Amino acid sequence: MHIVPATEFSKNFGHYREIAQREPVAVTSHERVTGYFVSASAYEEYSHLKALTTKSYALNELSEETIRAIASSSMSVEHNHLNSLLDE
């Protein structure tokens, strides 16, 4: 991965655009990474993978209605055979 200060990145954008086609370019400001410049294909892959992830929530993030719905839900009877796995 290439690491470059923001001022250098802005002065030589075309150069770093070419590098980003091969590897990510980390852009820094005051010696801290503030962003990454990546190829379009790398970004599309990232977006696809991000869309596949499941979000989890803390209980305090859920509405009372959602909590009640979860508490009153039940598993379909076709999956009853899975209950035996909990006994092991």
N, C-alpha and C. Protein backbone atom coordinates (compact mmCIF):
# COMPACT_ATOMS: atom_id res chain seq x y z
N MET A 1 0.84 -1.17 0.00
CA MET A 1 0.00 0.00 0.00
C MET A 1 0.89 1.24 0.00
N HIS A 2 0.49 2.17 -0.81
CA HIS A 2 1.19 3.45 -0.88
C HIS A 2 0.63 4.39 0.18
N ILE A 3 1.48 5.11 0.86
CA ILE A 3 1.05 6.12 1.84
C ILE A 3 1.60 7.45 1.38
N VAL A 4 0.72 8.46 1.30
CA VAL A 4 1.13 9.75 0.75
C VAL A 4 0.43 10.89 1.51
N PRO A 5 1.15 11.97 1.79
CA PRO A 5 0.51 13.14 2.42
C PRO A 5 -0.51 13.77 1.47
N ALA A 6 -1.55 14.35 2.01
CA ALA A 6 -2.62 14.95 1.21
C ALA A 6 -2.10 15.99 0.24
N THR A 7 -1.14 16.80 0.65
CA THR A 7 -0.61 17.83 -0.25
C THR A 7 0.07 17.20 -1.47
N GLU A 8 0.83 16.15 -1.25
CA GLU A 8 1.49 15.44 -2.34
C GLU A 8 0.45 14.78 -3.24
N PHE A 9 -0.55 14.19 -2.62
CA PHE A 9 -1.63 13.53 -3.37
C PHE A 9 -2.33 14.51 -4.30
N SER A 10 -2.66 15.69 -3.78
CA SER A 10 -3.39 16.67 -4.60
C SER A 10 -2.51 17.25 -5.72
N LYS A 11 -1.22 17.38 -5.46
CA LYS A 11 -0.32 17.90 -6.49
C LYS A 11 -0.09 16.91 -7.62
N ASN A 12 -0.12 15.64 -7.30
CA ASN A 12 0.18 14.59 -8.28
C ASN A 12 -0.95 13.58 -8.39
N PHE A 13 -2.16 14.08 -8.47
CA PHE A 13 -3.34 13.21 -8.50
C PHE A 13 -3.25 12.15 -9.59
N GLY A 14 -2.88 12.53 -10.79
CA GLY A 14 -2.81 11.60 -11.92
C GLY A 14 -1.88 10.43 -11.63
N HIS A 15 -0.75 10.72 -11.02
CA HIS A 15 0.21 9.68 -10.66
C HIS A 15 -0.40 8.69 -9.68
N TYR A 16 -1.06 9.20 -8.65
CA TYR A 16 -1.64 8.32 -7.63
C TYR A 16 -2.89 7.61 -8.14
N ARG A 17 -3.57 8.20 -9.13
CA ARG A 17 -4.70 7.53 -9.76
C ARG A 17 -4.22 6.26 -10.44
N GLU A 18 -3.06 6.32 -11.07
CA GLU A 18 -2.49 5.14 -11.73
C GLU A 18 -2.07 4.09 -10.70
N ILE A 19 -1.45 4.53 -9.62
CA ILE A 19 -1.03 3.60 -8.57
C ILE A 19 -2.25 2.89 -7.97
N ALA A 20 -3.34 3.64 -7.79
CA ALA A 20 -4.55 3.08 -7.19
C ALA A 20 -5.16 1.96 -8.03
N GLN A 21 -4.80 1.88 -9.30
CA GLN A 21 -5.29 0.78 -10.13
C GLN A 21 -4.64 -0.54 -9.74
N ARG A 22 -3.49 -0.46 -9.07
CA ARG A 22 -2.76 -1.66 -8.65
C ARG A 22 -2.85 -1.93 -7.16
N GLU A 23 -2.93 -0.86 -6.36
CA GLU A 23 -2.95 -1.02 -4.90
C GLU A 23 -3.57 0.22 -4.27
N PRO A 24 -4.13 0.09 -3.06
CA PRO A 24 -4.72 1.25 -2.40
C PRO A 24 -3.67 2.32 -2.09
N VAL A 25 -4.11 3.56 -2.10
CA VAL A 25 -3.25 4.68 -1.72
C VAL A 25 -3.85 5.29 -0.46
N ALA A 26 -3.10 5.25 0.64
CA ALA A 26 -3.54 5.86 1.90
C ALA A 26 -3.13 7.32 1.88
N VAL A 27 -4.08 8.21 2.10
CA VAL A 27 -3.81 9.65 2.09
C VAL A 27 -3.78 10.11 3.54
N THR A 28 -2.69 10.81 3.91
CA THR A 28 -2.51 11.23 5.30
C THR A 28 -2.60 12.75 5.44
N SER A 29 -2.93 13.15 6.64
CA SER A 29 -2.91 14.55 7.02
C SER A 29 -2.41 14.60 8.46
N HIS A 30 -1.37 15.36 8.70
CA HIS A 30 -0.74 15.44 10.02
C HIS A 30 -0.37 14.04 10.53
N GLU A 31 0.17 13.24 9.60
CA GLU A 31 0.69 11.89 9.88
C GLU A 31 -0.39 10.88 10.29
N ARG A 32 -1.66 11.19 10.02
CA ARG A 32 -2.76 10.25 10.29
C ARG A 32 -3.46 9.95 8.97
N VAL A 33 -3.80 8.70 8.74
CA VAL A 33 -4.52 8.33 7.53
C VAL A 33 -5.93 8.92 7.62
N THR A 34 -6.30 9.70 6.61
CA THR A 34 -7.62 10.32 6.59
C THR A 34 -8.52 9.72 5.52
N GLY A 35 -7.98 8.90 4.65
CA GLY A 35 -8.78 8.27 3.62
C GLY A 35 -7.94 7.38 2.74
N TYR A 36 -8.62 6.65 1.89
CA TYR A 36 -7.95 5.74 0.97
C TYR A 36 -8.46 6.01 -0.44
N PHE A 37 -7.58 5.94 -1.39
CA PHE A 37 -7.93 6.08 -2.79
C PHE A 37 -7.75 4.71 -3.40
N VAL A 38 -8.83 4.15 -3.96
CA VAL A 38 -8.79 2.80 -4.52
C VAL A 38 -9.38 2.81 -5.92
N SER A 39 -9.12 1.75 -6.64
CA SER A 39 -9.67 1.62 -7.99
C SER A 39 -11.18 1.43 -7.93
N ALA A 40 -11.82 1.68 -9.05
CA ALA A 40 -13.27 1.49 -9.13
C ALA A 40 -13.64 0.05 -8.84
N SER A 41 -12.88 -0.90 -9.36
CA SER A 41 -13.20 -2.32 -9.13
C SER A 41 -13.04 -2.70 -7.66
N ALA A 42 -12.03 -2.16 -6.98
CA ALA A 42 -11.85 -2.44 -5.56
C ALA A 42 -13.01 -1.85 -4.75
N TYR A 43 -13.44 -0.66 -5.13
CA TYR A 43 -14.57 -0.04 -4.42
C TYR A 43 -15.86 -0.82 -4.65
N GLU A 44 -16.09 -1.28 -5.87
CA GLU A 44 -17.28 -2.08 -6.16
C GLU A 44 -17.27 -3.38 -5.38
N GLU A 45 -16.12 -4.00 -5.26
CA GLU A 45 -16.01 -5.23 -4.47
C GLU A 45 -16.30 -4.94 -3.00
N TYR A 46 -15.74 -3.85 -2.48
CA TYR A 46 -16.00 -3.44 -1.10
C TYR A 46 -17.49 -3.19 -0.89
N SER A 47 -18.12 -2.47 -1.81
CA SER A 47 -19.55 -2.16 -1.68
C SER A 47 -20.38 -3.43 -1.69
N HIS A 48 -20.03 -4.36 -2.55
CA HIS A 48 -20.74 -5.64 -2.61
C HIS A 48 -20.61 -6.40 -1.29
N LEU A 49 -19.39 -6.50 -0.78
CA LEU A 49 -19.17 -7.22 0.48
C LEU A 49 -19.87 -6.53 1.64
N LYS A 50 -19.86 -5.22 1.65
CA LYS A 50 -20.52 -4.48 2.73
C LYS A 50 -22.03 -4.74 2.69
N ALA A 51 -22.60 -4.81 1.51
CA ALA A 51 -24.04 -5.06 1.37
C ALA A 51 -24.42 -6.45 1.88
N LEU A 52 -23.48 -7.39 1.86
CA LEU A 52 -23.76 -8.75 2.31
C LEU A 52 -23.68 -8.92 3.82
N THR A 53 -23.08 -7.96 4.50
CA THR A 53 -22.91 -8.11 5.94
C THR A 53 -24.22 -7.90 6.68
N THR A 54 -24.34 -8.53 7.81
CA THR A 54 -25.51 -8.41 8.65
C THR A 54 -25.21 -7.40 9.75
N LYS A 55 -26.15 -6.51 9.97
CA LYS A 55 -25.97 -5.52 11.03
C LYS A 55 -26.55 -6.07 12.31
N SER A 56 -25.83 -5.88 13.38
CA SER A 56 -26.36 -6.27 14.69
C SER A 56 -26.71 -5.01 15.46
N TYR A 57 -27.62 -5.15 16.39
CA TYR A 57 -28.11 -4.01 17.15
C TYR A 57 -27.99 -4.28 18.63
N ALA A 58 -27.69 -3.26 19.39
CA ALA A 58 -27.74 -3.35 20.85
C ALA A 58 -29.22 -3.23 21.24
N LEU A 59 -29.59 -3.84 22.33
CA LEU A 59 -30.98 -3.83 22.76
C LEU A 59 -31.53 -2.40 22.89
N ASN A 60 -30.71 -1.48 23.37
CA ASN A 60 -31.19 -0.10 23.55
C ASN A 60 -31.40 0.63 22.22
N GLU A 61 -30.98 0.03 21.11
CA GLU A 61 -31.20 0.63 19.79
C GLU A 61 -32.54 0.21 19.19
N LEU A 62 -33.18 -0.79 19.78
CA LEU A 62 -34.43 -1.32 19.24
C LEU A 62 -35.63 -0.64 19.89
N SER A 63 -36.68 -0.51 19.11
CA SER A 63 -37.92 0.05 19.65
C SER A 63 -38.61 -1.00 20.52
N GLU A 64 -39.48 -0.54 21.40
CA GLU A 64 -40.24 -1.47 22.25
C GLU A 64 -41.06 -2.43 21.38
N GLU A 65 -41.61 -1.91 20.30
CA GLU A 65 -42.41 -2.73 19.40
C GLU A 65 -41.57 -3.86 18.80
N THR A 66 -40.35 -3.56 18.40
CA THR A 66 -39.46 -4.57 17.83
C THR A 66 -39.08 -5.59 18.89
N ILE A 67 -38.80 -5.15 20.10
CA ILE A 67 -38.45 -6.07 21.19
C ILE A 67 -39.61 -7.02 21.47
N ARG A 68 -40.83 -6.48 21.53
CA ARG A 68 -42.01 -7.33 21.77
C ARG A 68 -42.19 -8.33 20.63
N ALA A 69 -41.98 -7.90 19.40
CA ALA A 69 -42.13 -8.79 18.25
C ALA A 69 -41.12 -9.93 18.31
N ILE A 70 -39.90 -9.62 18.68
CA ILE A 70 -38.87 -10.66 18.80
C ILE A 70 -39.22 -11.62 19.93
N ALA A 71 -39.63 -11.07 21.06
CA ALA A 71 -39.95 -11.90 22.23
C ALA A 71 -41.13 -12.83 21.96
N SER A 72 -42.06 -12.41 21.15
CA SER A 72 -43.24 -13.24 20.89
C SER A 72 -43.09 -14.14 19.67
N SER A 73 -41.95 -14.08 19.01
CA SER A 73 -41.77 -14.90 17.81
C SER A 73 -41.47 -16.34 18.18
N SER A 74 -41.71 -17.22 17.23
CA SER A 74 -41.39 -18.63 17.45
C SER A 74 -40.87 -19.23 16.15
N MET A 75 -40.14 -20.30 16.32
CA MET A 75 -39.54 -20.96 15.18
C MET A 75 -40.59 -21.83 14.50
N SER A 76 -40.49 -21.96 13.22
CA SER A 76 -41.39 -22.82 12.46
C SER A 76 -41.23 -24.26 12.93
N VAL A 77 -42.34 -25.01 12.98
CA VAL A 77 -42.29 -26.40 13.45
C VAL A 77 -41.41 -27.28 12.58
N GLU A 78 -41.19 -26.89 11.35
CA GLU A 78 -40.34 -27.70 10.48
C GLU A 78 -38.89 -27.73 10.95
N HIS A 79 -38.55 -26.85 11.89
CA HIS A 79 -37.18 -26.81 12.42
C HIS A 79 -37.09 -27.37 13.84
N ASN A 80 -38.14 -28.02 14.32
CA ASN A 80 -38.14 -28.57 15.68
C ASN A 80 -36.99 -29.54 15.93
N HIS A 81 -36.56 -30.24 14.90
CA HIS A 81 -35.46 -31.20 15.05
C HIS A 81 -34.17 -30.52 15.51
N LEU A 82 -34.07 -29.23 15.31
CA LEU A 82 -32.87 -28.50 15.73
C LEU A 82 -32.82 -28.31 17.25
N ASN A 83 -33.97 -28.41 17.91
CA ASN A 83 -33.99 -28.25 19.36
C ASN A 83 -33.11 -29.28 20.07
N SER A 84 -33.00 -30.48 19.48
CA SER A 84 -32.17 -31.50 20.10
C SER A 84 -30.70 -31.09 20.14
N LEU A 85 -30.28 -30.22 19.25
CA LEU A 85 -28.90 -29.76 19.25
C LEU A 85 -28.59 -28.92 20.48
N LEU A 86 -29.62 -28.30 21.05
CA LEU A 86 -29.42 -27.46 22.24
C LEU A 86 -29.23 -28.31 23.49
N ASP A 87 -29.65 -29.59 23.45
CA ASP A 87 -29.55 -30.47 24.61
C ASP A 87 -28.17 -31.05 24.80
N GLU A 88 -27.33 -30.96 23.79
CA GLU A 88 -26.00 -31.59 23.88
C GLU A 88 -25.06 -30.81 24.77
